[in-house]
PDB file of N, CA and C in Angstrom:
ATOM      1  N   MET A   1     -64.040 -22.919 149.891  1.00  0.00           N
ATOM      2  CA  MET A   1     -64.602 -24.269 150.244  1.00  0.00           C
ATOM      3  C   MET A   1     -65.324 -24.163 151.478  1.00  0.00           C
ATOM      4  N   PRO A   2     -66.546 -24.765 151.585  1.00  0.00           N
ATOM      5  CA  PRO A   2     -67.291 -24.811 152.915  1.00  0.00           C
ATOM      6  C   PRO A   2     -66.499 -25.629 153.924  1.00  0.00           C
ATOM      7  N   GLU A   3     -66.735 -25.252 155.136  1.00  0.00           N
ATOM      8  CA  GLU A   3     -66.094 -25.805 156.289  1.00  0.00           C
ATOM      9  C   GLU A   3     -66.218 -27.431 156.312  1.00  0.00           C
ATOM     10  N   ARG A   4     -67.372 -27.966 156.078  1.00  0.00           N
ATOM     11  CA  ARG A   4     -67.637 -29.434 156.012  1.00  0.00           C
ATOM     12  C   ARG A   4     -66.839 -30.086 154.890  1.00  0.00           C
ATOM     13  N   GLU A   5     -66.799 -29.396 153.852  1.00  0.00           N
ATOM     14  CA  GLU A   5     -65.921 -30.192 152.746  1.00  0.00           C
ATOM     15  C   GLU A   5     -64.522 -30.089 152.996  1.00  0.00           C
ATOM     16  N   GLY A   6     -63.989 -28.973 153.572  1.00  0.00           N
ATOM     17  CA  GLY A   6     -62.574 -28.965 154.014  1.00  0.00           C
ATOM     18  C   GLY A   6     -62.323 -29.987 155.074  1.00  0.00           C
ATOM     19  N   ALA A   7     -63.254 -30.078 155.900  1.00  0.00           N
ATOM     20  CA  ALA A   7     -63.092 -31.093 156.976  1.00  0.00           C
ATOM     21  C   ALA A   7     -62.831 -32.440 156.518  1.00  0.00           C
ATOM     22  N   LYS A   8     -63.537 -32.893 155.468  1.00  0.00           N
ATOM     23  CA  LYS A   8     -63.488 -34.208 154.941  1.00  0.00           C
ATOM     24  C   LYS A   8     -61.986 -34.537 154.403  1.00  0.00           C
ATOM     25  N   LEU A   9     -61.154 -33.443 154.170  1.00  0.00           N
ATOM     26  CA  LEU A   9     -59.732 -33.560 153.830  1.00  0.00           C
ATOM     27  C   LEU A   9     -58.925 -34.112 155.005  1.00  0.00           C
ATOM     28  N   VAL A  10     -59.375 -33.776 156.282  1.00  0.00           N
ATOM     29  CA  VAL A  10     -58.642 -33.997 157.373  1.00  0.00           C
ATOM     30  C   VAL A  10     -58.235 -35.382 157.678  1.00  0.00           C
ATOM     31  N   PRO A  11     -59.085 -36.401 157.592  1.00  0.00           N
ATOM     32  CA  PRO A  11     -58.729 -37.894 157.853  1.00  0.00           C
ATOM     33  C   PRO A  11     -57.568 -38.295 156.996  1.00  0.00           C
ATOM     34  N   ALA A  12     -57.295 -37.794 155.804  1.00  0.00           N
ATOM     35  CA  ALA A  12     -56.338 -38.211 154.964  1.00  0.00           C
ATOM     36  C   ALA A  12     -55.024 -37.508 155.482  1.00  0.00           C
ATOM     37  N   LEU A  13     -55.205 -36.400 156.045  1.00  0.00           N
ATOM     38  CA  LEU A  13     -53.839 -35.805 156.593  1.00  0.00           C
ATOM     39  C   LEU A  13     -53.419 -36.331 157.867  1.00  0.00           C
ATOM     40  N   LEU A  14     -54.257 -37.031 158.673  1.00  0.00           N
ATOM     41  CA  LEU A  14     -53.945 -37.465 159.996  1.00  0.00           C
ATOM     42  C   LEU A  14     -53.330 -38.889 160.030  1.00  0.00           C
ATOM     43  N   THR A  15     -53.356 -39.444 158.857  1.00  0.00           N
ATOM     44  CA  THR A  15     -52.708 -40.945 158.927  1.00  0.00           C
ATOM     45  C   THR A  15     -51.375 -40.869 159.242  1.00  0.00           C
ATOM     46  N   GLY A  16     -51.153 -41.631 160.372  1.00  0.00           N
ATOM     47  CA  GLY A  16     -49.687 -41.950 160.901  1.00  0.00           C
ATOM     48  C   GLY A  16     -49.092 -40.789 161.620  1.00  0.00           C
ATOM     49  N   ILE A  17     -49.632 -39.485 161.570  1.00  0.00           N
ATOM     50  CA  ILE A  17     -48.855 -38.351 162.264  1.00  0.00           C
ATOM     51  C   ILE A  17     -49.394 -38.020 163.564  1.00  0.00           C
ATOM     52  N   CYS A  18     -50.599 -38.379 163.851  1.00  0.00           N
ATOM     53  CA  CYS A  18     -51.321 -37.995 165.064  1.00  0.00           C
ATOM     54  C   CYS A  18     -51.801 -39.122 165.863  1.00  0.00           C
ATOM     55  N   LYS A  19     -50.885 -40.124 166.349  1.00  0.00           N
ATOM     56  CA  LYS A  19     -51.306 -41.266 166.850  1.00  0.00           C
ATOM     57  C   LYS A  19     -51.937 -41.035 168.351  1.00  0.00           C
ATOM     58  N   ASN A  20     -51.416 -39.937 169.039  1.00  0.00           N
ATOM     59  CA  ASN A  20     -52.172 -39.707 170.258  1.00  0.00           C
ATOM     60  C   ASN A  20     -53.327 -38.765 170.238  1.00  0.00           C
ATOM     61  N   LEU A  21     -53.626 -38.316 169.156  1.00  0.00           N
ATOM     62  CA  LEU A  21     -54.706 -37.269 169.080  1.00  0.00           C
ATOM     63  C   LEU A  21     -56.121 -38.162 169.407  1.00  0.00           C
ATOM     64  N   GLN A  22     -56.770 -37.455 170.378  1.00  0.00           N
ATOM     65  CA  GLN A  22     -58.056 -38.139 170.801  1.00  0.00           C
ATOM     66  C   GLN A  22     -59.389 -37.548 170.576  1.00  0.00           C
ATOM     67  N   ARG A  23     -59.092 -36.077 170.497  1.00  0.00           N
ATOM     68  CA  ARG A  23     -60.374 -35.329 170.222  1.00  0.00           C
ATOM     69  C   ARG A  23     -60.041 -34.087 169.465  1.00  0.00           C
ATOM     70  N   ILE A  24     -60.964 -33.758 168.431  1.00  0.00           N
ATOM     71  CA  ILE A  24     -60.930 -32.517 167.678  1.00  0.00           C
ATOM     72  C   ILE A  24     -62.055 -31.631 168.134  1.00  0.00           C
ATOM     73  N   TRP A  25     -61.819 -30.470 168.621  1.00  0.00           N
ATOM     74  CA  TRP A  25     -62.861 -29.438 168.858  1.00  0.00           C
ATOM     75  C   TRP A  25     -63.135 -28.645 167.676  1.00  0.00           C
ATOM     76  N   VAL A  26     -64.480 -28.500 167.333  1.00  0.00           N
ATOM     77  CA  VAL A  26     -64.867 -27.751 166.117  1.00  0.00           C
ATOM     78  C   VAL A  26     -66.117 -26.874 166.560  1.00  0.00           C
ATOM     79  N   ASP A  27     -66.259 -25.844 165.827  1.00  0.00           N
ATOM     80  CA  ASP A  27     -67.515 -24.922 166.043  1.00  0.00           C
ATOM     81  C   ASP A  27     -68.784 -25.486 165.469  1.00  0.00           C
ATOM     82  N   GLY A  28     -69.829 -24.729 165.535  1.00  0.00           N
ATOM     83  CA  GLY A  28     -71.171 -25.140 165.164  1.00  0.00           C
ATOM     84  C   GLY A  28     -71.265 -25.464 163.627  1.00  0.00           C
ATOM     85  N   GLY A  29     -70.363 -24.928 162.788  1.00  0.00           N
ATOM     86  CA  GLY A  29     -70.364 -25.095 161.255  1.00  0.00           C
ATOM     87  C   GLY A  29     -70.194 -26.558 160.991  1.00  0.00           C
ATOM     88  N   TYR A  30     -69.742 -27.296 161.903  1.00  0.00           N
ATOM     89  CA  TYR A  30     -69.491 -28.809 161.616  1.00  0.00           C
ATOM     90  C   TYR A  30     -70.594 -29.654 162.092  1.00  0.00           C
ATOM     91  N   ARG A  31     -71.632 -29.169 162.609  1.00  0.00           N
ATOM     92  CA  ARG A  31     -72.662 -30.062 163.094  1.00  0.00           C
ATOM     93  C   ARG A  31     -73.641 -30.538 161.962  1.00  0.00           C
ATOM     94  N   GLY A  32     -74.303 -31.476 162.273  1.00  0.00           N
ATOM     95  CA  GLY A  32     -75.469 -32.032 161.333  1.00  0.00           C
ATOM     96  C   GLY A  32     -75.274 -33.543 161.205  1.00  0.00           C
ATOM     97  N   LYS A  33     -76.395 -34.267 161.046  1.00  0.00           N
ATOM     98  CA  LYS A  33     -76.448 -35.604 161.171  1.00  0.00           C
ATOM     99  C   LYS A  33     -75.638 -36.456 160.038  1.00  0.00           C
ATOM    100  N   GLU A  34     -75.841 -35.918 158.934  1.00  0.00           N
ATOM    101  CA  GLU A  34     -75.202 -36.473 157.609  1.00  0.00           C
ATOM    102  C   GLU A  34     -73.514 -36.284 157.906  1.00  0.00           C
ATOM    103  N   PHE A  35     -73.101 -35.204 158.287  1.00  0.00           N
ATOM    104  CA  PHE A  35     -71.626 -34.988 158.412  1.00  0.00           C
ATOM    105  C   PHE A  35     -71.147 -35.641 159.564  1.00  0.00           C
ATOM    106  N   SER A  36     -71.833 -35.652 160.699  1.00  0.00           N
ATOM    107  CA  SER A  36     -71.457 -36.599 161.732  1.00  0.00           C
ATOM    108  C   SER A  36     -71.291 -37.978 161.542  1.00  0.00           C
ATOM    109  N   ALA A  37     -72.257 -38.546 160.647  1.00  0.00           N
ATOM    110  CA  ALA A  37     -72.135 -39.966 160.308  1.00  0.00           C
ATOM    111  C   ALA A  37     -70.936 -40.172 159.472  1.00  0.00           C
ATOM    112  N   TRP A  38     -70.640 -39.222 158.615  1.00  0.00           N
ATOM    113  CA  TRP A  38     -69.560 -39.329 157.656  1.00  0.00           C
ATOM    114  C   TRP A  38     -68.245 -39.357 158.519  1.00  0.00           C
ATOM    115  N   ILE A  39     -68.112 -38.580 159.466  1.00  0.00           N
ATOM    116  CA  ILE A  39     -66.953 -38.543 160.377  1.00  0.00           C
ATOM    117  C   ILE A  39     -66.859 -39.800 161.130  1.00  0.00           C
ATOM    118  N   ALA A  40     -68.018 -40.194 161.648  1.00  0.00           N
ATOM    119  CA  ALA A  40     -67.957 -41.411 162.555  1.00  0.00           C
ATOM    120  C   ALA A  40     -67.493 -42.695 161.746  1.00  0.00           C
ATOM    121  N   GLU A  41     -67.726 -42.785 160.413  1.00  0.00           N
ATOM    122  CA  GLU A  41     -67.334 -43.800 159.825  1.00  0.00           C
ATOM    123  C   GLU A  41     -65.875 -43.801 159.400  1.00  0.00           C
ATOM    124  N   ARG A  42     -65.275 -42.681 159.241  1.00  0.00           N
ATOM    125  CA  ARG A  42     -63.900 -42.489 158.726  1.00  0.00           C
ATOM    126  C   ARG A  42     -62.804 -42.177 159.704  1.00  0.00           C
ATOM    127  N   VAL A  43     -63.289 -41.582 160.914  1.00  0.00           N
ATOM    128  CA  VAL A  43     -62.272 -41.052 161.858  1.00  0.00           C
ATOM    129  C   VAL A  43     -62.509 -41.561 163.297  1.00  0.00           C
ATOM    130  N   ARG A  44     -61.379 -42.270 163.724  1.00  0.00           N
ATOM    131  CA  ARG A  44     -61.600 -42.975 165.121  1.00  0.00           C
ATOM    132  C   ARG A  44     -61.279 -41.911 166.179  1.00  0.00           C
ATOM    133  N   ILE A  45     -61.596 -40.565 165.945  1.00  0.00           N
ATOM    134  CA  ILE A  45     -61.123 -39.592 166.860  1.00  0.00           C
ATOM    135  C   ILE A  45     -62.486 -38.903 167.398  1.00  0.00           C
ATOM    136  N   ASP A  46     -62.642 -38.588 168.594  1.00  0.00           N
ATOM    137  CA  ASP A  46     -63.869 -37.891 169.151  1.00  0.00           C
ATOM    138  C   ASP A  46     -63.928 -36.530 168.384  1.00  0.00           C
ATOM    139  N   TRP A  47     -64.996 -36.273 167.828  1.00  0.00           N
ATOM    140  CA  TRP A  47     -65.099 -34.972 167.144  1.00  0.00           C
ATOM    141  C   TRP A  47     -66.201 -34.219 167.971  1.00  0.00           C
ATOM    142  N   ALA A  48     -65.599 -33.287 168.636  1.00  0.00           N
ATOM    143  CA  ALA A  48     -66.538 -32.572 169.718  1.00  0.00           C
ATOM    144  C   ALA A  48     -67.017 -31.181 169.159  1.00  0.00           C
ATOM    145  N   VAL A  49     -68.306 -30.974 169.024  1.00  0.00           N
ATOM    146  CA  VAL A  49     -68.867 -29.642 168.454  1.00  0.00           C
ATOM    147  C   VAL A  49     -69.132 -28.763 169.794  1.00  0.00           C
ATOM    148  N   GLY A  50     -68.446 -27.678 169.745  1.00  0.00           N
ATOM    149  CA  GLY A  50     -68.767 -26.596 170.868  1.00  0.00           C
ATOM    150  C   GLY A  50     -69.857 -25.572 170.377  1.00  0.00           C
ATOM    151  N   LEU A  51     -70.907 -25.546 171.066  1.00  0.00           N
ATOM    152  CA  LEU A  51     -72.085 -24.780 170.664  1.00  0.00           C
ATOM    153  C   LEU A  51     -72.324 -23.702 171.684  1.00  0.00           C
ATOM    154  N   LEU A  52     -72.905 -22.656 171.335  1.00  0.00           N
ATOM    155  CA  LEU A  52     -73.361 -21.644 172.334  1.00  0.00           C
ATOM    156  C   LEU A  52     -74.640 -22.124 173.018  1.00  0.00           C
ATOM    157  N   SER A  53     -74.778 -21.960 174.333  1.00  0.00           N
ATOM    158  CA  SER A  53     -75.970 -22.364 174.920  1.00  0.00           C
ATOM    159  C   SER A  53     -77.148 -21.609 174.501  1.00  0.00           C
ATOM    160  N   ASN A  54     -78.370 -22.309 174.811  1.00  0.00           N
ATOM    161  CA  ASN A  54     -79.527 -21.642 174.341  1.00  0.00           C
ATOM    162  C   ASN A  54     -79.901 -20.305 175.149  1.00  0.00           C
ATOM    163  N   TYR A  55     -79.220 -20.274 176.418  1.00  0.00           N
ATOM    164  CA  TYR A  55     -79.510 -19.143 177.212  1.00  0.00           C
ATOM    165  C   TYR A  55     -78.379 -18.053 177.042  1.00  0.00           C
ATOM    166  N   ALA A  56     -77.498 -17.976 176.052  1.00  0.00           N
ATOM    167  CA  ALA A  56     -76.577 -17.022 175.870  1.00  0.00           C
ATOM    168  C   ALA A  56     -77.195 -15.721 175.518  1.00  0.00           C
ATOM    169  N   ASN A  57     -76.677 -14.711 176.219  1.00  0.00           N
ATOM    170  CA  ASN A  57     -77.224 -13.352 176.067  1.00  0.00           C
ATOM    171  C   ASN A  57     -75.972 -12.469 175.770  1.00  0.00           C
ATOM    172  N   GLY A  58     -75.779 -12.206 174.546  1.00  0.00           N
ATOM    173  CA  GLY A  58     -74.500 -11.549 174.133  1.00  0.00           C
ATOM    174  C   GLY A  58     -73.337 -12.424 173.991  1.00  0.00           C
ATOM    175  N   PHE A  59     -72.076 -11.956 174.379  1.00  0.00           N
ATOM    176  CA  PHE A  59     -70.863 -12.848 174.248  1.00  0.00           C
ATOM    177  C   PHE A  59     -70.858 -13.935 175.227  1.00  0.00           C
ATOM    178  N   GLU A  60     -70.391 -15.017 174.722  1.00  0.00           N
ATOM    179  CA  GLU A  60     -70.287 -16.180 175.675  1.00  0.00           C
ATOM    180  C   GLU A  60     -69.080 -16.911 175.110  1.00  0.00           C
ATOM    181  N   LEU A  61     -68.170 -17.097 176.219  1.00  0.00           N
ATOM    182  CA  LEU A  61     -66.856 -17.832 175.982  1.00  0.00           C
ATOM    183  C   LEU A  61     -67.083 -19.150 175.819  1.00  0.00           C
ATOM    184  N   LEU A  62     -66.732 -19.903 174.681  1.00  0.00           N
ATOM    185  CA  LEU A  62     -66.914 -21.326 174.433  1.00  0.00           C
ATOM    186  C   LEU A  62     -65.697 -22.085 175.105  1.00  0.00           C
ATOM    187  N   PRO A  63     -66.041 -23.279 175.722  1.00  0.00           N
ATOM    188  CA  PRO A  63     -64.764 -23.942 176.214  1.00  0.00           C
ATOM    189  C   PRO A  63     -63.898 -24.311 175.042  1.00  0.00           C
ATOM    190  N   HIS A  64     -62.566 -24.292 175.341  1.00  0.00           N
ATOM    191  CA  HIS A  64     -61.516 -24.680 174.303  1.00  0.00           C
ATOM    192  C   HIS A  64     -61.487 -23.759 172.993  1.00  0.00           C
ATOM    193  N   ARG A  65     -62.423 -22.888 172.795  1.00  0.00           N
ATOM    194  CA  ARG A  65     -62.428 -21.916 171.648  1.00  0.00           C
ATOM    195  C   ARG A  65     -61.200 -20.863 171.690  1.00  0.00           C
ATOM    196  N   TRP A  66     -60.922 -20.585 172.931  1.00  0.00           N
ATOM    197  CA  TRP A  66     -59.721 -19.701 173.073  1.00  0.00           C
ATOM    198  C   TRP A  66     -58.331 -20.180 172.573  1.00  0.00           C
ATOM    199  N   VAL A  67     -58.330 -21.648 172.710  1.00  0.00           N
ATOM    200  CA  VAL A  67     -56.977 -22.133 172.213  1.00  0.00           C
ATOM    201  C   VAL A  67     -56.888 -21.978 170.701  1.00  0.00           C
ATOM    202  N   ILE A  68     -57.874 -22.105 170.014  1.00  0.00           N
ATOM    203  CA  ILE A  68     -57.701 -21.930 168.497  1.00  0.00           C
ATOM    204  C   ILE A  68     -57.546 -20.478 168.222  1.00  0.00           C
ATOM    205  N   ASP A  69     -58.331 -19.575 168.855  1.00  0.00           N
ATOM    206  CA  ASP A  69     -58.179 -18.247 168.502  1.00  0.00           C
ATOM    207  C   ASP A  69     -56.795 -17.701 168.910  1.00  0.00           C
ATOM    208  N   ARG A  70     -56.282 -18.086 170.011  1.00  0.00           N
ATOM    209  CA  ARG A  70     -54.850 -17.734 170.484  1.00  0.00           C
ATOM    210  C   ARG A  70     -53.851 -18.235 169.443  1.00  0.00           C
ATOM    211  N   THR A  71     -54.091 -19.376 168.906  1.00  0.00           N
ATOM    212  CA  THR A  71     -53.046 -19.924 167.996  1.00  0.00           C
ATOM    213  C   THR A  71     -53.075 -19.152 166.579  1.00  0.00           C
ATOM    214  N   PHE A  72     -54.208 -18.824 166.221  1.00  0.00           N
ATOM    215  CA  PHE A  72     -54.348 -17.963 164.925  1.00  0.00           C
ATOM    216  C   PHE A  72     -53.859 -16.651 165.265  1.00  0.00           C
ATOM    217  N   ALA A  73     -54.005 -16.052 166.380  1.00  0.00           N
ATOM    218  CA  ALA A  73     -53.538 -14.657 166.729  1.00  0.00           C
ATOM    219  C   ALA A  73     -52.104 -14.737 166.853  1.00  0.00           C
ATOM    220  N   GLY A  74     -51.592 -15.702 167.369  1.00  0.00           N
ATOM    221  CA  GLY A  74     -50.029 -15.874 167.339  1.00  0.00           C
ATOM    222  C   GLY A  74     -49.399 -16.013 166.024  1.00  0.00           C
ATOM    223  N   LEU A  75     -50.164 -16.732 164.962  1.00  0.00           N
ATOM    224  CA  LEU A  75     -49.628 -16.728 163.703  1.00  0.00           C
ATOM    225  C   LEU A  75     -49.650 -15.463 163.049  1.00  0.00           C
ATOM    226  N   TYR A  76     -50.699 -14.726 163.148  1.00  0.00           N
ATOM    227  CA  TYR A  76     -51.033 -13.507 162.351  1.00  0.00           C
ATOM    228  C   TYR A  76     -50.038 -12.360 162.935  1.00  0.00           C
ATOM    229  N   ARG A  77     -49.305 -12.685 164.150  1.00  0.00           N
ATOM    230  CA  ARG A  77     -48.420 -11.650 164.467  1.00  0.00           C
ATOM    231  C   ARG A  77     -47.091 -11.534 163.513  1.00  0.00           C
ATOM    232  N   TYR A  78     -46.879 -12.683 162.825  1.00  0.00           N
ATOM    233  CA  TYR A  78     -45.879 -12.689 161.891  1.00  0.00           C
ATOM    234  C   TYR A  78     -46.157 -12.071 160.590  1.00  0.00           C
ATOM    235  N   HIS A  79     -45.427 -10.934 160.295  1.00  0.00           N
ATOM    236  CA  HIS A  79     -45.620 -10.242 159.023  1.00  0.00           C
ATOM    237  C   HIS A  79     -45.994 -11.045 157.663  1.00  0.00           C
ATOM    238  N   ARG A  80     -45.181 -12.069 157.499  1.00  0.00           N
ATOM    239  CA  ARG A  80     -45.230 -12.853 156.353  1.00  0.00           C
ATOM    240  C   ARG A  80     -46.418 -13.737 156.395  1.00  0.00           C
ATOM    241  N   LEU A  81     -47.067 -13.963 157.393  1.00  0.00           N
ATOM    242  CA  LEU A  81     -48.247 -14.731 157.447  1.00  0.00           C
ATOM    243  C   LEU A  81     -49.510 -13.946 157.546  1.00  0.00           C
ATOM    244  N   SER A  82     -49.525 -12.585 157.720  1.00  0.00           N
ATOM    245  CA  SER A  82     -50.525 -11.619 157.966  1.00  0.00           C
ATOM    246  C   SER A  82     -51.280 -11.546 156.613  1.00  0.00           C
ATOM    247  N   LYS A  83     -50.560 -11.731 155.509  1.00  0.00           N
ATOM    248  CA  LYS A  83     -51.191 -11.601 154.114  1.00  0.00           C
ATOM    249  C   LYS A  83     -50.660 -12.711 153.252  1.00  0.00           C
ATOM    250  N   GLY A  84     -51.181 -12.903 152.006  1.00  0.00           N
ATOM    251  CA  GLY A  84     -50.611 -13.868 151.107  1.00  0.00           C
ATOM    252  C   GLY A  84     -49.426 -13.436 150.367  1.00  0.00           C
ATOM    253  N   TYR A  85     -48.364 -13.190 151.054  1.00  0.00           N
ATOM    254  CA  TYR A  85     -47.120 -12.779 150.488  1.00  0.00           C
ATOM    255  C   TYR A  85     -46.355 -13.871 149.624  1.00  0.00           C
ATOM    256  N   GLU A  86     -46.539 -15.155 150.112  1.00  0.00           N
ATOM    257  CA  GLU A  86     -45.899 -16.306 149.358  1.00  0.00           C
ATOM    258  C   GLU A  86     -46.357 -16.606 148.003  1.00  0.00           C
ATOM    259  N   VAL A  87     -45.519 -16.966 147.141  1.00  0.00           N
ATOM    260  CA  VAL A  87     -45.912 -17.334 145.812  1.00  0.00           C
ATOM    261  C   VAL A  87     -46.414 -18.719 145.670  1.00  0.00           C
ATOM    262  N   SER A  88     -45.753 -19.565 146.501  1.00  0.00           N
ATOM    263  CA  SER A  88     -46.182 -21.066 146.383  1.00  0.00           C
ATOM    264  C   SER A  88     -46.736 -21.504 147.746  1.00  0.00           C
ATOM    265  N   ILE A  89     -47.493 -22.471 147.630  1.00  0.00           N
ATOM    266  CA  ILE A  89     -48.206 -23.091 148.903  1.00  0.00           C
ATOM    267  C   ILE A  89     -47.132 -23.693 149.759  1.00  0.00           C
ATOM    268  N   GLU A  90     -46.079 -24.384 149.149  1.00  0.00           N
ATOM    269  CA  GLU A  90     -44.929 -24.886 149.918  1.00  0.00           C
ATOM    270  C   GLU A  90     -44.277 -23.913 150.727  1.00  0.00           C
ATOM    271  N   SER A  91     -44.047 -22.698 150.219  1.00  0.00           N
ATOM    272  CA  SER A  91     -43.223 -21.763 151.152  1.00  0.00           C
ATOM    273  C   SER A  91     -44.160 -21.165 152.139  1.00  0.00           C
ATOM    274  N   SER A  92     -45.387 -21.113 151.881  1.00  0.00           N
ATOM    275  CA  SER A  92     -46.360 -20.594 152.889  1.00  0.00           C
ATOM    276  C   SER A  92     -46.508 -21.612 153.973  1.00  0.00           C
ATOM    277  N   ARG A  93     -46.517 -22.917 153.703  1.00  0.00           N
ATOM    278  CA  ARG A  93     -46.717 -23.952 154.702  1.00  0.00           C
ATOM    279  C   ARG A  93     -45.467 -23.964 155.490  1.00  0.00           C
ATOM    280  N   ALA A  94     -44.252 -23.703 154.834  1.00  0.00           N
ATOM    281  CA  ALA A  94     -42.927 -23.776 155.576  1.00  0.00           C
ATOM    282  C   ALA A  94     -42.924 -22.628 156.637  1.00  0.00           C
ATOM    283  N   PHE A  95     -43.485 -21.415 156.251  1.00  0.00           N
ATOM    284  CA  PHE A  95     -43.402 -20.283 157.184  1.00  0.00           C
ATOM    285  C   PHE A  95     -44.594 -20.562 158.295  1.00  0.00           C
ATOM    286  N   VAL A  96     -45.643 -21.311 157.848  1.00  0.00           N
ATOM    287  CA  VAL A  96     -46.488 -21.731 159.032  1.00  0.00           C
ATOM    288  C   VAL A  96     -45.869 -22.601 160.013  1.00  0.00           C
ATOM    289  N   HIS A  97     -45.164 -23.661 159.505  1.00  0.00           N
ATOM    290  CA  HIS A  97     -44.430 -24.546 160.288  1.00  0.00           C
ATOM    291  C   HIS A  97     -43.334 -23.915 161.220  1.00  0.00           C
ATOM    292  N   ILE A  98     -42.644 -22.823 160.633  1.00  0.00           N
ATOM    293  CA  ILE A  98     -41.728 -22.224 161.464  1.00  0.00           C
ATOM    294  C   ILE A  98     -42.395 -21.416 162.479  1.00  0.00           C
ATOM    295  N   ALA A  99     -43.389 -20.710 162.159  1.00  0.00           N
ATOM    296  CA  ALA A  99     -44.093 -19.930 163.149  1.00  0.00           C
ATOM    297  C   ALA A  99     -44.692 -20.694 164.272  1.00  0.00           C
ATOM    298  N   MET A 100     -45.197 -21.855 163.937  1.00  0.00           N
ATOM    299  CA  MET A 100     -45.896 -22.741 165.024  1.00  0.00           C
ATOM    300  C   MET A 100     -44.618 -23.374 165.878  1.00  0.00           C
ATOM    301  N   ILE A 101     -43.544 -23.605 165.345  1.00  0.00           N
ATOM    302  CA  ILE A 101     -42.282 -24.054 166.134  1.00  0.00           C
ATOM    303  C   ILE A 101     -41.973 -22.951 167.085  1.00  0.00           C
ATOM    304  N   ILE A 102     -41.862 -21.793 166.636  1.00  0.00           N
ATOM    305  CA  ILE A 102     -41.461 -20.631 167.460  1.00  0.00           C
ATOM    306  C   ILE A 102     -42.550 -20.473 168.564  1.00  0.00           C
ATOM    307  N   LEU A 103     -43.772 -20.562 168.231  1.00  0.00           N
ATOM    308  CA  LEU A 103     -44.869 -20.372 169.203  1.00  0.00           C
ATOM    309  C   LEU A 103     -44.911 -21.385 170.287  1.00  0.00           C
ATOM    310  N   MET A 104     -44.618 -22.658 169.912  1.00  0.00           N
ATOM    311  CA  MET A 104     -44.566 -23.750 170.892  1.00  0.00           C
ATOM    312  C   MET A 104     -43.326 -23.634 171.734  1.00  0.00           C
ATOM    313  N   LEU A 105     -42.239 -23.214 171.065  1.00  0.00           N
ATOM    314  CA  LEU A 105     -40.944 -23.060 171.903  1.00  0.00           C
ATOM    315  C   LEU A 105     -41.187 -22.007 172.976  1.00  0.00           C
ATOM    316  N   ASN A 106     -41.834 -20.858 172.524  1.00  0.00           N
ATOM    317  CA  ASN A 106     -42.111 -19.773 173.441  1.00  0.00           C
ATOM    318  C   ASN A 106     -43.050 -20.182 174.548  1.00  0.00           C
ATOM    319  N   ARG A 107     -44.069 -20.995 174.283  1.00  0.00           N
ATOM    320  CA  ARG A 107     -45.005 -21.368 175.335  1.00  0.00           C
ATOM    321  C   ARG A 107     -44.331 -22.361 176.229  1.00  0.00           C
ATOM    322  N   GLN A 108     -43.362 -23.098 175.828  1.00  0.00           N
ATOM    323  CA  GLN A 108     -42.602 -23.957 176.721  1.00  0.00           C
ATOM    324  C   GLN A 108     -41.593 -23.156 177.640  1.00  0.00           C
ATOM    325  N   THR A 109     -40.973 -22.271 177.094  1.00  0.00           N
ATOM    326  CA  THR A 109     -40.076 -21.368 177.798  1.00  0.00           C
ATOM    327  C   THR A 109     -40.651 -20.177 178.372  1.00  0.00           C
ATOM    328  N   ASN A 110     -41.876 -19.722 178.171  1.00  0.00           N
ATOM    329  CA  ASN A 110     -42.508 -18.448 178.617  1.00  0.00           C
ATOM    330  C   ASN A 110     -41.665 -17.313 178.098  1.00  0.00           C
ATOM    331  N   GLY A 111     -41.102 -17.451 176.906  1.00  0.00           N
ATOM    332  CA  GLY A 111     -40.283 -16.218 176.391  1.00  0.00           C
ATOM    333  C   GLY A 111     -41.086 -15.352 175.622  1.00  0.00           C
ATOM    334  N   SER A 112     -40.349 -14.299 175.218  1.00  0.00           N
ATOM    335  CA  SER A 112     -41.113 -13.383 174.210  1.00  0.00           C
ATOM    336  C   SER A 112     -41.042 -13.857 172.982  1.00  0.00           C
ATOM    337  N   PRO A 113     -42.071 -13.490 172.022  1.00  0.00           N
ATOM    338  CA  PRO A 113     -42.182 -14.044 170.698  1.00  0.00           C
ATOM    339  C   PRO A 113     -41.044 -13.538 169.859  1.00  0.00           C
ATOM    340  N   ALA A 114     -40.599 -14.346 168.909  1.00  0.00           N
ATOM    341  CA  ALA A 114     -39.483 -13.957 168.022  1.00  0.00           C
ATOM    342  C   ALA A 114     -40.215 -13.686 166.718  1.00  0.00           C
ATOM    343  N   ASN A 115     -39.496 -12.792 165.860  1.00  0.00           N
ATOM    344  CA  ASN A 115     -40.035 -12.410 164.633  1.00  0.00           C
ATOM    345  C   ASN A 115     -39.187 -12.837 163.561  1.00  0.00           C
ATOM    346  N   PHE A 116     -39.850 -12.926 162.469  1.00  0.00           N
ATOM    347  CA  PHE A 116     -39.204 -13.354 161.135  1.00  0.00           C
ATOM    348  C   PHE A 116     -39.720 -12.691 160.049  1.00  0.00           C
TER     349      PHE A 116
END
């Protein structure tokens, strides 16, 4: 599924669970006038697109991009999430939730990562 089509599923998932969410950071794959208009009509959240500058020469660290990369890197440390081992989507989703709970607790306590 293309990025923009997948993003159109997000508003339905956010109803009632993310009341304090103010901004969603996305990469350049989500830009475009038609898609921006679609988002503006349906989502009351600031949709911020992080783009490379026109003057980039080689690698350029984008603001807020490291947060997403760090989160995915943390998830992929867990063996069960490194590949598609789970038979059902429900069990895969449950292990992602468990991994995120562990990651968030470790960030709060500055502890070492736990494994499952």
